[in-house]
Amino acid sequence: MRKFKTIFAYTVLVVGLLVMVAASSKWFVFAVWNWHNTHGGDRKWYMIYHSPWGDLVSQANLDDEKKYLERKNYTYDRAKGCGKGNVAFYILGDSYTRDIPDSVFCNVSSLEKSRVTQACSFIPKAGKKNVLIIEMTERYVRELLHVTKDFSSPPPASSSAAGGGDGVKSYAAFMNRNLEYLLFQFNFLTPIRMAKASLVLNCFARGSGNTVLSKDAKYLFFKSTVAPNGRFSSYSSVSDSEVDFCVRKMNFIYDHFKAEGFDEIYFSFIPNPATILQPKGYNGLIPRIQKSPMLKVKVFDVFSVFSSSTNPDVLFRKGDTHWSDYGMHIWIDMVNSELVKY
C-alpha cells in the first residue's frame, strides 16, 4: 500500500510539473489551440465553445443573459451605382474586415487580404490602380506601430498583439489563463461555467474571464481596452511624444508601400467599443493621431462619424468586440466614396 501511495504521489508530481511547463509555453498553448480549432481534434468534448452571440459572450460564458445576446447579422449587398473597374484592392486588416467580400466595393477587379498580425506579401498588379487600406482596431494601434517595421513580418511572439492576444503581461496572469485553458476547457463543463458567470453577474455586477461590464451594464467590454494601463486601453495615458512616434511610423509605412508600387494607401482605425460607448476619460489616441500636422497618409475617419452619432448604441454588438452591421456599412460607404473615384 505504501509503495502504491509513493508511486501515485510521484506520478501526480511529474504530471503536475509537465502541465506547469506546458502552461508556461506560449508556443505550446497556441499550438494546442490551433490544432483543435483548425484541424478539428475531438470537437464533441474539448475546446470548441464559440458562442453565436459574440466573442465576449463566449469569453464571459453569458449565453443565458438575453440582454447581451445579439447575433452576427452582417449583410453584404452588392455595391450599386458603380461597375467592376480597374482597382486592385488590398486590405491589411483584422477580424473587423476579414469576412467582407469584394462584391460590396466599387470599381474593384480583385481583392486580396492579409492580417496585420501576419507577414504581408501583397504584390501590386501591373496596369491596375493599386489601392491599399491598413485597417486595425484601436487596441492594436499603439502596440503594432511600436513592434512592426513595415508589416513585412509578423509581430514578435513577445508582443501582446501576436496572434490577436489580449495584452496579458504578468507571469501569474499568463499562467493562470493557460492552466485554465489546458485543464478545464471541456464542453461538459460549459453549463457549470455559465452558471458561475451568471452568479457573478447578478450578485456582484461583474463580467467573467477577459470581460467587464460597461458602467451602465448595457455592454460587455474587452477587459484590456478599459484597463487603467496598457497599450490596448482607451483610458491609459498617451503622451504627445508617443502620438508623434505613431505618426512617424505611419508615414514610414506609407513610404514603404509607395516604394513597393501601391498608388493609394489609407489607414483606418476602428475605435474600441468603450471609446464610443463610454467616452469619459478617453485618451484621445485616434483623433490626436489623425489631426497631427505631421501625418501625410490619408485616413478613413471612422472615429469622427461614430463619436458624433446621436445613437451610438447601434454601432457595436452588445456582447462582442466588433461593430454591428450598421457600423460596418458606415465604413464600407466611406471606402466606396473613395474607390468610386478610380
C-alpha atoms as a PDB file:
ATOM      1  CA  MET A   1       0.000   0.000   0.000  1.00  0.00           C
ATOM      2  CA  ARG A   2       2.825   2.374   0.919  1.00  0.00           C
ATOM      3  CA  LYS A   3       4.584   1.604  -2.388  1.00  0.00           C
ATOM      4  CA  PHE A   4       1.361   2.390  -4.282  1.00  0.00           C
ATOM      5  CA  LYS A   5       0.992   5.721  -2.470  1.00  0.00           C
ATOM      6  CA  THR A   6       4.597   6.617  -3.285  1.00  0.00           C
ATOM      7  CA  ILE A   7       4.139   5.775  -6.966  1.00  0.00           C
ATOM      8  CA  PHE A   8       0.888   7.720  -7.054  1.00  0.00           C
ATOM      9  CA  ALA A   9       2.470  10.751  -5.360  1.00  0.00           C
ATOM     10  CA  TYR A  10       5.394  10.820  -7.782  1.00  0.00           C
ATOM     11  CA  THR A  11       3.054  10.364 -10.745  1.00  0.00           C
ATOM     12  CA  VAL A  12       0.951  13.318  -9.629  1.00  0.00           C
ATOM     13  CA  LEU A  13       4.115  15.373  -9.085  1.00  0.00           C
ATOM     14  CA  VAL A  14       5.516  14.575 -12.547  1.00  0.00           C
ATOM     15  CA  VAL A  15       2.192  15.192 -14.314  1.00  0.00           C
ATOM     16  CA  GLY A  16       1.761  18.457 -12.411  1.00  0.00           C
ATOM     17  CA  LEU A  17       5.234  19.629 -13.398  1.00  0.00           C
ATOM     18  CA  LEU A  18       4.600  18.718 -17.050  1.00  0.00           C
ATOM     19  CA  VAL A  19       1.341  20.685 -17.028  1.00  0.00           C
ATOM     20  CA  MET A  20       3.106  23.685 -15.468  1.00  0.00           C
ATOM     21  CA  VAL A  21       5.852  23.537 -18.107  1.00  0.00           C
ATOM     22  CA  ALA A  22       3.247  23.265 -20.870  1.00  0.00           C
ATOM     23  CA  ALA A  23       1.225  26.179 -19.466  1.00  0.00           C
ATOM     24  CA  SER A  24       4.340  28.367 -19.291  1.00  0.00           C
ATOM     25  CA  SER A  25       4.948  27.922 -23.023  1.00  0.00           C
ATOM     26  CA  LYS A  26       3.085  30.438 -25.177  1.00  0.00           C
ATOM     27  CA  TRP A  27       4.074  28.403 -28.225  1.00  0.00           C
ATOM     28  CA  PHE A  28       2.619  25.159 -26.826  1.00  0.00           C
ATOM     29  CA  VAL A  29      -0.691  26.670 -25.746  1.00  0.00           C
ATOM     30  CA  PHE A  30      -1.135  28.371 -29.105  1.00  0.00           C
ATOM     31  CA  ALA A  31      -0.264  25.091 -30.879  1.00  0.00           C
ATOM     32  CA  VAL A  32      -2.960  23.259 -28.885  1.00  0.00           C
ATOM     33  CA  TRP A  33      -5.490  25.992 -29.649  1.00  0.00           C
ATOM     34  CA  ASN A  34      -4.578  25.990 -33.333  1.00  0.00           C
ATOM     35  CA  TRP A  35      -4.763  22.200 -33.648  1.00  0.00           C
ATOM     36  CA  HIS A  36      -8.199  21.931 -32.067  1.00  0.00           C
ATOM     37  CA  ASN A  37      -9.676  24.913 -33.840  1.00  0.00           C
ATOM     38  CA  THR A  38      -8.091  24.480 -37.258  1.00  0.00           C
ATOM     39  CA  HIS A  39      -7.594  20.750 -37.658  1.00  0.00           C
ATOM     40  CA  GLY A  40     -10.564  19.621 -35.616  1.00  0.00           C
ATOM     41  CA  GLY A  41      -9.473  17.485 -32.711  1.00  0.00           C
ATOM     42  CA  ASP A  42     -12.322  15.860 -30.815  1.00  0.00           C
ATOM     43  CA  ARG A  43     -14.895  18.612 -31.254  1.00  0.00           C
ATOM     44  CA  LYS A  44     -17.509  16.715 -29.245  1.00  0.00           C
ATOM     45  CA  TRP A  45     -15.814  17.264 -25.945  1.00  0.00           C
ATOM     46  CA  TYR A  46     -12.912  19.701 -25.970  1.00  0.00           C
ATOM     47  CA  MET A  47     -12.298  23.347 -26.662  1.00  0.00           C
ATOM     48  CA  ILE A  48     -14.867  24.349 -29.278  1.00  0.00           C
ATOM     49  CA  TYR A  49     -17.150  26.634 -27.311  1.00  0.00           C
ATOM     50  CA  HIS A  50     -17.749  29.650 -29.547  1.00  0.00           C
ATOM     51  CA  SER A  51     -20.966  31.447 -28.738  1.00  0.00           C
ATOM     52  CA  PRO A  52     -23.016  32.576 -31.756  1.00  0.00           C
ATOM     53  CA  TRP A  53     -23.889  35.675 -29.749  1.00  0.00           C
ATOM     54  CA  GLY A  54     -20.422  37.225 -29.772  1.00  0.00           C
ATOM     55  CA  ASP A  55     -16.810  36.710 -28.757  1.00  0.00           C
ATOM     56  CA  LEU A  56     -17.278  38.451 -25.399  1.00  0.00           C
ATOM     57  CA  VAL A  57     -20.390  36.429 -24.582  1.00  0.00           C
ATOM     58  CA  SER A  58     -18.264  33.382 -25.324  1.00  0.00           C
ATOM     59  CA  GLN A  59     -15.403  34.554 -23.098  1.00  0.00           C
ATOM     60  CA  ALA A  60     -17.783  35.545 -20.307  1.00  0.00           C
ATOM     61  CA  ASN A  61     -19.968  32.405 -20.591  1.00  0.00           C
ATOM     62  CA  LEU A  62     -23.086  34.570 -20.537  1.00  0.00           C
ATOM     63  CA  ASP A  63     -25.239  32.789 -23.120  1.00  0.00           C
ATOM     64  CA  ASP A  64     -28.137  32.827 -20.647  1.00  0.00           C
ATOM     65  CA  GLU A  65     -28.151  36.616 -20.291  1.00  0.00           C
ATOM     66  CA  LYS A  66     -30.500  37.833 -23.035  1.00  0.00           C
ATOM     67  CA  LYS A  67     -29.514  41.497 -22.809  1.00  0.00           C
ATOM     68  CA  TYR A  68     -26.079  40.702 -24.269  1.00  0.00           C
ATOM     69  CA  LEU A  69     -27.276  38.329 -26.967  1.00  0.00           C
ATOM     70  CA  GLU A  70     -27.130  39.814 -30.445  1.00  0.00           C
ATOM     71  CA  ARG A  71     -26.499  37.549 -33.400  1.00  0.00           C
ATOM     72  CA  LYS A  72     -23.964  38.322 -36.084  1.00  0.00           C
ATOM     73  CA  ASN A  73     -26.263  39.624 -38.819  1.00  0.00           C
ATOM     74  CA  TYR A  74     -23.891  41.184 -41.314  1.00  0.00           C
ATOM     75  CA  THR A  75     -25.303  41.821 -44.785  1.00  0.00           C
ATOM     76  CA  TYR A  76     -23.137  42.117 -47.863  1.00  0.00           C
ATOM     77  CA  ASP A  77     -25.244  43.705 -50.574  1.00  0.00           C
ATOM     78  CA  ARG A  78     -23.601  44.211 -53.940  1.00  0.00           C
ATOM     79  CA  ALA A  79     -22.317  47.765 -54.467  1.00  0.00           C
ATOM     80  CA  LYS A  80     -24.724  49.868 -56.509  1.00  0.00           C
ATOM     81  CA  GLY A  81     -24.059  52.714 -58.925  1.00  0.00           C
ATOM     82  CA  CYS A  82     -20.568  51.532 -59.797  1.00  0.00           C
ATOM     83  CA  GLY A  83     -19.208  48.811 -62.018  1.00  0.00           C
ATOM     84  CA  LYS A  84     -16.333  46.402 -61.922  1.00  0.00           C
ATOM     85  CA  GLY A  85     -13.454  48.719 -62.556  1.00  0.00           C
ATOM     86  CA  ASN A  86      -9.699  48.787 -62.656  1.00  0.00           C
ATOM     87  CA  VAL A  87      -8.917  48.789 -58.915  1.00  0.00           C
ATOM     88  CA  ALA A  88      -6.704  46.085 -57.467  1.00  0.00           C
ATOM     89  CA  PHE A  89      -7.803  46.376 -53.845  1.00  0.00           C
ATOM     90  CA  TYR A  90      -5.841  45.200 -50.808  1.00  0.00           C
ATOM     91  CA  ILE A  91      -6.891  45.161 -47.147  1.00  0.00           C
ATOM     92  CA  LEU A  92      -4.233  44.653 -44.497  1.00  0.00           C
ATOM     93  CA  GLY A  93      -6.641  44.324 -41.614  1.00  0.00           C
ATOM     94  CA  ASP A  94      -8.049  42.308 -38.741  1.00  0.00           C
ATOM     95  CA  SER A  95     -11.263  40.486 -37.841  1.00  0.00           C
ATOM     96  CA  TYR A  96     -13.350  43.600 -38.481  1.00  0.00           C
ATOM     97  CA  THR A  97     -12.788  43.334 -42.225  1.00  0.00           C
ATOM     98  CA  ARG A  98     -11.845  39.666 -42.604  1.00  0.00           C
ATOM     99  CA  ASP A  99     -15.213  38.452 -43.930  1.00  0.00           C
ATOM    100  CA  ILE A 100     -16.229  41.440 -46.077  1.00  0.00           C
ATOM    101  CA  PRO A 101     -16.407  40.254 -49.709  1.00  0.00           C
ATOM    102  CA  ASP A 102     -15.210  42.107 -52.803  1.00  0.00           C
ATOM    103  CA  SER A 103     -18.782  42.451 -54.116  1.00  0.00           C
ATOM    104  CA  VAL A 104     -19.600  45.299 -51.701  1.00  0.00           C
ATOM    105  CA  PHE A 105     -16.835  47.544 -53.028  1.00  0.00           C
ATOM    106  CA  CYS A 106     -16.941  49.845 -56.052  1.00  0.00           C
ATOM    107  CA  ASN A 107     -14.732  49.517 -59.130  1.00  0.00           C
ATOM    108  CA  VAL A 108     -12.819  46.553 -57.720  1.00  0.00           C
ATOM    109  CA  SER A 109     -11.402  43.997 -60.127  1.00  0.00           C
ATOM    110  CA  SER A 110      -9.674  41.966 -57.393  1.00  0.00           C
ATOM    111  CA  LEU A 111      -9.442  41.899 -53.603  1.00  0.00           C
ATOM    112  CA  GLU A 112      -6.610  40.458 -51.515  1.00  0.00           C
ATOM    113  CA  LYS A 113      -6.487  40.379 -47.727  1.00  0.00           C
ATOM    114  CA  SER A 114      -3.908  39.769 -45.066  1.00  0.00           C
ATOM    115  CA  ARG A 115      -3.942  40.224 -41.303  1.00  0.00           C
ATOM    116  CA  VAL A 116      -1.982  42.978 -39.597  1.00  0.00           C
ATOM    117  CA  THR A 117      -0.701  40.305 -37.202  1.00  0.00           C
ATOM    118  CA  GLN A 118       0.832  38.289 -40.046  1.00  0.00           C
ATOM    119  CA  ALA A 119       3.517  38.954 -42.641  1.00  0.00           C
ATOM    120  CA  CYS A 120       2.160  40.959 -45.579  1.00  0.00           C
ATOM    121  CA  SER A 121       3.127  39.689 -49.034  1.00  0.00           C
ATOM    122  CA  PHE A 122       0.973  41.821 -51.341  1.00  0.00           C
ATOM    123  CA  ILE A 123       2.394  42.431 -54.810  1.00  0.00           C
ATOM    124  CA  PRO A 124       0.912  45.330 -56.826  1.00  0.00           C
ATOM    125  CA  LYS A 125      -0.609  44.394 -60.190  1.00  0.00           C
ATOM    126  CA  ALA A 126       0.671  45.954 -63.384  1.00  0.00           C
ATOM    127  CA  GLY A 127      -1.863  48.049 -65.291  1.00  0.00           C
ATOM    128  CA  LYS A 128      -4.173  48.378 -62.266  1.00  0.00           C
ATOM    129  CA  LYS A 129      -4.925  51.121 -59.759  1.00  0.00           C
ATOM    130  CA  ASN A 130      -3.445  49.519 -56.650  1.00  0.00           C
ATOM    131  CA  VAL A 131      -5.269  50.698 -53.524  1.00  0.00           C
ATOM    132  CA  LEU A 132      -4.228  49.538 -50.043  1.00  0.00           C
ATOM    133  CA  ILE A 133      -6.095  50.025 -46.761  1.00  0.00           C
ATOM    134  CA  ILE A 134      -4.328  49.297 -43.482  1.00  0.00           C
ATOM    135  CA  GLU A 135      -7.179  48.720 -41.044  1.00  0.00           C
ATOM    136  CA  MET A 136      -6.876  47.831 -37.368  1.00  0.00           C
ATOM    137  CA  THR A 137      -8.953  48.027 -34.244  1.00  0.00           C
ATOM    138  CA  GLU A 138      -7.860  50.743 -31.818  1.00  0.00           C
ATOM    139  CA  ARG A 139      -6.469  48.309 -29.270  1.00  0.00           C
ATOM    140  CA  TYR A 140      -3.823  47.232 -31.802  1.00  0.00           C
ATOM    141  CA  VAL A 141      -2.745  50.709 -32.917  1.00  0.00           C
ATOM    142  CA  ARG A 142      -0.069  51.586 -30.368  1.00  0.00           C
ATOM    143  CA  GLU A 143       1.164  48.023 -29.962  1.00  0.00           C
ATOM    144  CA  LEU A 144       1.535  47.244 -33.662  1.00  0.00           C
ATOM    145  CA  LEU A 145       3.027  50.601 -34.587  1.00  0.00           C
ATOM    146  CA  HIS A 146       5.643  50.047 -31.894  1.00  0.00           C
ATOM    147  CA  VAL A 147       6.585  46.471 -32.784  1.00  0.00           C
ATOM    148  CA  THR A 148       6.265  46.371 -36.581  1.00  0.00           C
ATOM    149  CA  LYS A 149       8.643  47.906 -39.084  1.00  0.00           C
ATOM    150  CA  ASP A 150       6.506  47.846 -42.227  1.00  0.00           C
ATOM    151  CA  PHE A 151       4.247  44.750 -41.821  1.00  0.00           C
ATOM    152  CA  SER A 152       6.656  42.631 -43.877  1.00  0.00           C
ATOM    153  CA  SER A 153       6.953  40.284 -40.879  1.00  0.00           C
ATOM    154  CA  PRO A 154       4.543  39.351 -38.076  1.00  0.00           C
ATOM    155  CA  PRO A 155       4.832  40.955 -34.630  1.00  0.00           C
ATOM    156  CA  PRO A 156       7.281  39.160 -32.333  1.00  0.00           C
ATOM    157  CA  ALA A 157       5.876  36.415 -30.115  1.00  0.00           C
ATOM    158  CA  SER A 158       6.552  38.621 -27.081  1.00  0.00           C
ATOM    159  CA  SER A 159       4.090  41.230 -28.371  1.00  0.00           C
ATOM    160  CA  SER A 160       0.611  41.266 -26.838  1.00  0.00           C
ATOM    161  CA  ALA A 161      -0.765  41.648 -30.378  1.00  0.00           C
ATOM    162  CA  ALA A 162       0.813  38.416 -31.618  1.00  0.00           C
ATOM    163  CA  GLY A 163      -1.944  36.023 -32.594  1.00  0.00           C
ATOM    164  CA  GLY A 164      -4.547  38.576 -31.562  1.00  0.00           C
ATOM    165  CA  GLY A 165      -3.535  38.415 -27.891  1.00  0.00           C
ATOM    166  CA  ASP A 166      -5.328  40.061 -25.022  1.00  0.00           C
ATOM    167  CA  GLY A 167      -2.436  42.017 -23.558  1.00  0.00           C
ATOM    168  CA  VAL A 168      -1.757  39.712 -20.577  1.00  0.00           C
ATOM    169  CA  LYS A 169       1.668  40.686 -19.297  1.00  0.00           C
ATOM    170  CA  SER A 170       2.287  39.377 -15.770  1.00  0.00           C
ATOM    171  CA  TYR A 171       3.606  35.837 -15.410  1.00  0.00           C
ATOM    172  CA  ALA A 172       0.942  34.930 -12.828  1.00  0.00           C
ATOM    173  CA  ALA A 173      -1.913  36.100 -15.054  1.00  0.00           C
ATOM    174  CA  PHE A 174      -0.351  34.323 -18.036  1.00  0.00           C
ATOM    175  CA  MET A 175       0.000  31.040 -16.134  1.00  0.00           C
ATOM    176  CA  ASN A 176      -3.482  31.165 -14.607  1.00  0.00           C
ATOM    177  CA  ARG A 177      -5.067  31.767 -18.003  1.00  0.00           C
ATOM    178  CA  ASN A 178      -3.142  28.956 -19.679  1.00  0.00           C
ATOM    179  CA  LEU A 179      -3.737  26.447 -16.879  1.00  0.00           C
ATOM    180  CA  GLU A 180      -7.453  27.124 -17.035  1.00  0.00           C
ATOM    181  CA  TYR A 181      -7.364  26.760 -20.813  1.00  0.00           C
ATOM    182  CA  LEU A 182      -5.500  23.426 -20.790  1.00  0.00           C
ATOM    183  CA  LEU A 183      -7.226  21.794 -17.807  1.00  0.00           C
ATOM    184  CA  PHE A 184     -10.821  22.988 -17.849  1.00  0.00           C
ATOM    185  CA  GLN A 185     -11.784  23.791 -21.451  1.00  0.00           C
ATOM    186  CA  PHE A 186     -14.053  20.768 -21.735  1.00  0.00           C
ATOM    187  CA  ASN A 187     -17.528  21.072 -23.197  1.00  0.00           C
ATOM    188  CA  PHE A 188     -19.231  19.103 -20.431  1.00  0.00           C
ATOM    189  CA  LEU A 189     -18.114  21.864 -18.040  1.00  0.00           C
ATOM    190  CA  THR A 190     -19.767  24.636 -20.092  1.00  0.00           C
ATOM    191  CA  PRO A 191     -23.069  24.611 -18.091  1.00  0.00           C
ATOM    192  CA  ILE A 192     -21.074  24.971 -14.876  1.00  0.00           C
ATOM    193  CA  ARG A 193     -19.095  27.900 -16.304  1.00  0.00           C
ATOM    194  CA  MET A 194     -22.320  29.549 -17.451  1.00  0.00           C
ATOM    195  CA  ALA A 195     -23.943  29.144 -14.032  1.00  0.00           C
ATOM    196  CA  LYS A 196     -20.885  30.630 -12.331  1.00  0.00           C
ATOM    197  CA  ALA A 197     -20.790  33.557 -14.784  1.00  0.00           C
ATOM    198  CA  SER A 198     -24.491  34.337 -14.245  1.00  0.00           C
ATOM    199  CA  LEU A 199     -23.977  34.230 -10.482  1.00  0.00           C
ATOM    200  CA  VAL A 200     -21.028  36.653 -10.678  1.00  0.00           C
ATOM    201  CA  LEU A 201     -23.011  38.959 -12.971  1.00  0.00           C
ATOM    202  CA  ASN A 202     -26.239  39.040 -10.984  1.00  0.00           C
ATOM    203  CA  CYS A 203     -24.758  39.033  -7.483  1.00  0.00           C
ATOM    204  CA  PHE A 204     -21.650  41.163  -7.977  1.00  0.00           C
ATOM    205  CA  ALA A 205     -22.378  43.052 -11.249  1.00  0.00           C
ATOM    206  CA  ARG A 206     -19.137  41.839 -12.795  1.00  0.00           C
ATOM    207  CA  GLY A 207     -18.149  40.145 -16.017  1.00  0.00           C
ATOM    208  CA  SER A 208     -16.141  36.932 -16.142  1.00  0.00           C
ATOM    209  CA  GLY A 209     -12.997  35.942 -17.985  1.00  0.00           C
ATOM    210  CA  ASN A 210     -11.498  38.759 -20.054  1.00  0.00           C
ATOM    211  CA  THR A 211     -14.683  40.836 -19.945  1.00  0.00           C
ATOM    212  CA  VAL A 212     -16.004  43.711 -17.850  1.00  0.00           C
ATOM    213  CA  LEU A 213     -19.373  45.409 -17.835  1.00  0.00           C
ATOM    214  CA  SER A 214     -19.833  48.918 -19.151  1.00  0.00           C
ATOM    215  CA  LYS A 215     -20.716  51.403 -16.427  1.00  0.00           C
ATOM    216  CA  ASP A 216     -24.371  51.303 -17.468  1.00  0.00           C
ATOM    217  CA  ALA A 217     -24.185  47.473 -17.634  1.00  0.00           C
ATOM    218  CA  LYS A 218     -25.597  47.502 -21.190  1.00  0.00           C
ATOM    219  CA  TYR A 219     -22.421  46.209 -22.859  1.00  0.00           C
ATOM    220  CA  LEU A 220     -19.579  43.778 -22.356  1.00  0.00           C
ATOM    221  CA  PHE A 221     -16.117  45.238 -22.935  1.00  0.00           C
ATOM    222  CA  PHE A 222     -12.795  43.513 -23.518  1.00  0.00           C
ATOM    223  CA  LYS A 223     -11.018  43.963 -20.180  1.00  0.00           C
ATOM    224  CA  SER A 224      -7.708  45.236 -21.554  1.00  0.00           C
ATOM    225  CA  THR A 225      -9.466  48.030 -23.511  1.00  0.00           C
ATOM    226  CA  VAL A 226     -10.747  49.646 -20.281  1.00  0.00           C
ATOM    227  CA  ALA A 227      -7.756  48.941 -18.028  1.00  0.00           C
ATOM    228  CA  PRO A 228      -6.009  51.942 -16.427  1.00  0.00           C
ATOM    229  CA  ASN A 229      -2.742  50.961 -18.107  1.00  0.00           C
ATOM    230  CA  GLY A 230      -1.564  49.205 -21.260  1.00  0.00           C
ATOM    231  CA  ARG A 231      -1.437  49.974 -24.967  1.00  0.00           C
ATOM    232  CA  PHE A 232      -4.772  48.254 -25.643  1.00  0.00           C
ATOM    233  CA  SER A 233      -6.683  50.622 -23.356  1.00  0.00           C
ATOM    234  CA  SER A 234      -8.860  53.571 -24.329  1.00  0.00           C
ATOM    235  CA  TYR A 235      -8.073  55.221 -20.987  1.00  0.00           C
ATOM    236  CA  SER A 236      -4.367  54.698 -20.390  1.00  0.00           C
ATOM    237  CA  SER A 237      -2.147  57.755 -20.667  1.00  0.00           C
ATOM    238  CA  VAL A 238      -0.780  58.601 -24.129  1.00  0.00           C
ATOM    239  CA  SER A 239       1.972  61.223 -24.262  1.00  0.00           C
ATOM    240  CA  ASP A 240       2.455  63.684 -27.113  1.00  0.00           C
ATOM    241  CA  SER A 241       5.775  62.009 -27.902  1.00  0.00           C
ATOM    242  CA  GLU A 242       4.031  58.651 -28.318  1.00  0.00           C
ATOM    243  CA  VAL A 243       1.472  60.196 -30.656  1.00  0.00           C
ATOM    244  CA  ASP A 244       4.332  61.689 -32.681  1.00  0.00           C
ATOM    245  CA  PHE A 245       6.028  58.266 -32.770  1.00  0.00           C
ATOM    246  CA  CYS A 246       2.859  56.647 -34.138  1.00  0.00           C
ATOM    247  CA  VAL A 247       2.536  59.339 -36.809  1.00  0.00           C
ATOM    248  CA  ARG A 248       6.166  58.976 -37.891  1.00  0.00           C
ATOM    249  CA  LYS A 249       5.750  55.186 -38.115  1.00  0.00           C
ATOM    250  CA  MET A 250       2.594  55.594 -40.223  1.00  0.00           C
ATOM    251  CA  ASN A 251       4.494  57.917 -42.573  1.00  0.00           C
ATOM    252  CA  PHE A 252       7.331  55.387 -42.775  1.00  0.00           C
ATOM    253  CA  ILE A 253       4.877  52.586 -43.629  1.00  0.00           C
ATOM    254  CA  TYR A 254       3.247  54.840 -46.228  1.00  0.00           C
ATOM    255  CA  ASP A 255       6.629  55.486 -47.863  1.00  0.00           C
ATOM    256  CA  HIS A 256       7.400  51.753 -47.805  1.00  0.00           C
ATOM    257  CA  PHE A 257       4.234  50.757 -49.651  1.00  0.00           C
ATOM    258  CA  LYS A 258       4.560  53.668 -52.063  1.00  0.00           C
ATOM    259  CA  ALA A 259       8.027  52.412 -52.943  1.00  0.00           C
ATOM    260  CA  GLU A 260       6.540  48.929 -53.417  1.00  0.00           C
ATOM    261  CA  GLY A 261       4.294  50.311 -56.154  1.00  0.00           C
ATOM    262  CA  PHE A 262       0.951  50.990 -54.479  1.00  0.00           C
ATOM    263  CA  ASP A 263      -0.873  54.010 -55.892  1.00  0.00           C
ATOM    264  CA  GLU A 264      -3.047  54.878 -52.888  1.00  0.00           C
ATOM    265  CA  ILE A 265      -2.513  53.978 -49.220  1.00  0.00           C
ATOM    266  CA  TYR A 266      -5.004  54.654 -46.452  1.00  0.00           C
ATOM    267  CA  PHE A 267      -5.080  53.946 -42.738  1.00  0.00           C
ATOM    268  CA  SER A 268      -8.316  53.177 -40.917  1.00  0.00           C
ATOM    269  CA  PHE A 269      -8.530  52.825 -37.142  1.00  0.00           C
ATOM    270  CA  ILE A 270     -11.754  51.307 -35.755  1.00  0.00           C
ATOM    271  CA  PRO A 271     -12.454  52.688 -32.251  1.00  0.00           C
ATOM    272  CA  ASN A 272     -12.682  50.351 -29.298  1.00  0.00           C
ATOM    273  CA  PRO A 273     -16.364  50.000 -28.330  1.00  0.00           C
ATOM    274  CA  ALA A 274     -15.511  51.614 -24.968  1.00  0.00           C
ATOM    275  CA  THR A 275     -14.125  54.674 -26.782  1.00  0.00           C
ATOM    276  CA  ILE A 276     -17.536  55.424 -28.296  1.00  0.00           C
ATOM    277  CA  LEU A 277     -19.959  53.948 -25.764  1.00  0.00           C
ATOM    278  CA  GLN A 278     -18.131  55.127 -22.624  1.00  0.00           C
ATOM    279  CA  PRO A 279     -16.148  58.174 -23.795  1.00  0.00           C
ATOM    280  CA  LYS A 280     -15.494  59.854 -20.426  1.00  0.00           C
ATOM    281  CA  GLY A 281     -11.777  59.637 -19.733  1.00  0.00           C
ATOM    282  CA  TYR A 282     -10.848  58.677 -23.292  1.00  0.00           C
ATOM    283  CA  ASN A 283      -7.173  59.285 -24.021  1.00  0.00           C
ATOM    284  CA  GLY A 284      -7.910  60.691 -27.482  1.00  0.00           C
ATOM    285  CA  LEU A 285      -5.482  58.392 -29.280  1.00  0.00           C
ATOM    286  CA  ILE A 286      -7.229  58.236 -32.669  1.00  0.00           C
ATOM    287  CA  PRO A 287      -8.146  61.923 -33.126  1.00  0.00           C
ATOM    288  CA  ARG A 288      -4.737  63.034 -31.860  1.00  0.00           C
ATOM    289  CA  ILE A 289      -3.003  60.875 -34.469  1.00  0.00           C
ATOM    290  CA  GLN A 290      -5.362  61.853 -37.288  1.00  0.00           C
ATOM    291  CA  LYS A 291      -5.106  65.588 -36.567  1.00  0.00           C
ATOM    292  CA  SER A 292      -1.330  65.630 -36.383  1.00  0.00           C
ATOM    293  CA  PRO A 293       0.160  68.159 -38.842  1.00  0.00           C
ATOM    294  CA  MET A 294       2.988  65.672 -39.478  1.00  0.00           C
ATOM    295  CA  LEU A 295       0.676  62.986 -40.858  1.00  0.00           C
ATOM    296  CA  LYS A 296       0.963  62.621 -44.643  1.00  0.00           C
ATOM    297  CA  VAL A 297      -1.094  59.457 -45.184  1.00  0.00           C
ATOM    298  CA  LYS A 298      -4.861  59.592 -45.810  1.00  0.00           C
ATOM    299  CA  VAL A 299      -7.254  58.085 -43.276  1.00  0.00           C
ATOM    300  CA  PHE A 300     -10.809  56.835 -43.220  1.00  0.00           C
ATOM    301  CA  ASP A 301     -12.033  58.737 -40.178  1.00  0.00           C
ATOM    302  CA  VAL A 302     -14.411  56.282 -38.525  1.00  0.00           C
ATOM    303  CA  PHE A 303     -13.866  57.897 -35.121  1.00  0.00           C
ATOM    304  CA  SER A 304     -15.435  61.249 -36.040  1.00  0.00           C
ATOM    305  CA  VAL A 305     -18.525  59.628 -37.533  1.00  0.00           C
ATOM    306  CA  PHE A 306     -19.003  57.184 -34.672  1.00  0.00           C
ATOM    307  CA  SER A 307     -18.311  59.702 -31.899  1.00  0.00           C
ATOM    308  CA  SER A 308     -20.779  62.226 -33.338  1.00  0.00           C
ATOM    309  CA  SER A 309     -23.577  59.677 -33.668  1.00  0.00           C
ATOM    310  CA  THR A 310     -26.784  60.564 -31.829  1.00  0.00           C
ATOM    311  CA  ASN A 311     -27.460  56.851 -31.384  1.00  0.00           C
ATOM    312  CA  PRO A 312     -24.122  55.136 -30.676  1.00  0.00           C
ATOM    313  CA  ASP A 313     -25.890  52.031 -29.342  1.00  0.00           C
ATOM    314  CA  VAL A 314     -26.426  50.830 -32.913  1.00  0.00           C
ATOM    315  CA  LEU A 315     -22.731  50.909 -33.841  1.00  0.00           C
ATOM    316  CA  PHE A 316     -21.487  47.865 -31.902  1.00  0.00           C
ATOM    317  CA  ARG A 317     -22.852  44.494 -30.853  1.00  0.00           C
ATOM    318  CA  LYS A 318     -23.621  44.286 -27.134  1.00  0.00           C
ATOM    319  CA  GLY A 319     -21.679  41.103 -26.412  1.00  0.00           C
ATOM    320  CA  ASP A 320     -18.888  41.370 -28.945  1.00  0.00           C
ATOM    321  CA  THR A 321     -15.724  43.382 -29.588  1.00  0.00           C
ATOM    322  CA  HIS A 322     -16.889  44.092 -33.156  1.00  0.00           C
ATOM    323  CA  TRP A 323     -19.098  46.601 -34.870  1.00  0.00           C
ATOM    324  CA  SER A 324     -22.703  45.954 -35.824  1.00  0.00           C
ATOM    325  CA  ASP A 325     -23.957  45.604 -39.377  1.00  0.00           C
ATOM    326  CA  TYR A 326     -24.852  49.303 -39.249  1.00  0.00           C
ATOM    327  CA  GLY A 327     -21.374  50.283 -38.099  1.00  0.00           C
ATOM    328  CA  MET A 328     -19.740  48.101 -40.733  1.00  0.00           C
ATOM    329  CA  HIS A 329     -21.763  49.710 -43.522  1.00  0.00           C
ATOM    330  CA  ILE A 330     -20.665  53.172 -42.417  1.00  0.00           C
ATOM    331  CA  TRP A 331     -17.095  52.022 -43.068  1.00  0.00           C
ATOM    332  CA  ILE A 332     -17.968  50.369 -46.392  1.00  0.00           C
ATOM    333  CA  ASP A 333     -19.684  53.569 -47.572  1.00  0.00           C
ATOM    334  CA  MET A 334     -16.593  55.588 -46.609  1.00  0.00           C
ATOM    335  CA  VAL A 335     -14.343  53.285 -48.588  1.00  0.00           C
ATOM    336  CA  ASN A 336     -16.642  53.288 -51.616  1.00  0.00           C
ATOM    337  CA  SER A 337     -16.731  57.086 -51.612  1.00  0.00           C
ATOM    338  CA  GLU A 338     -13.009  56.916 -52.461  1.00  0.00           C
ATOM    339  CA  LEU A 339     -12.992  53.824 -54.664  1.00  0.00           C
ATOM    340  CA  VAL A 340     -15.645  55.298 -56.929  1.00  0.00           C
ATOM    341  CA  LYS A 341     -13.106  57.965 -57.909  1.00  0.00           C
ATOM    342  CA  TYR A 342     -10.887  55.346 -59.514  1.00  0.00           C
END
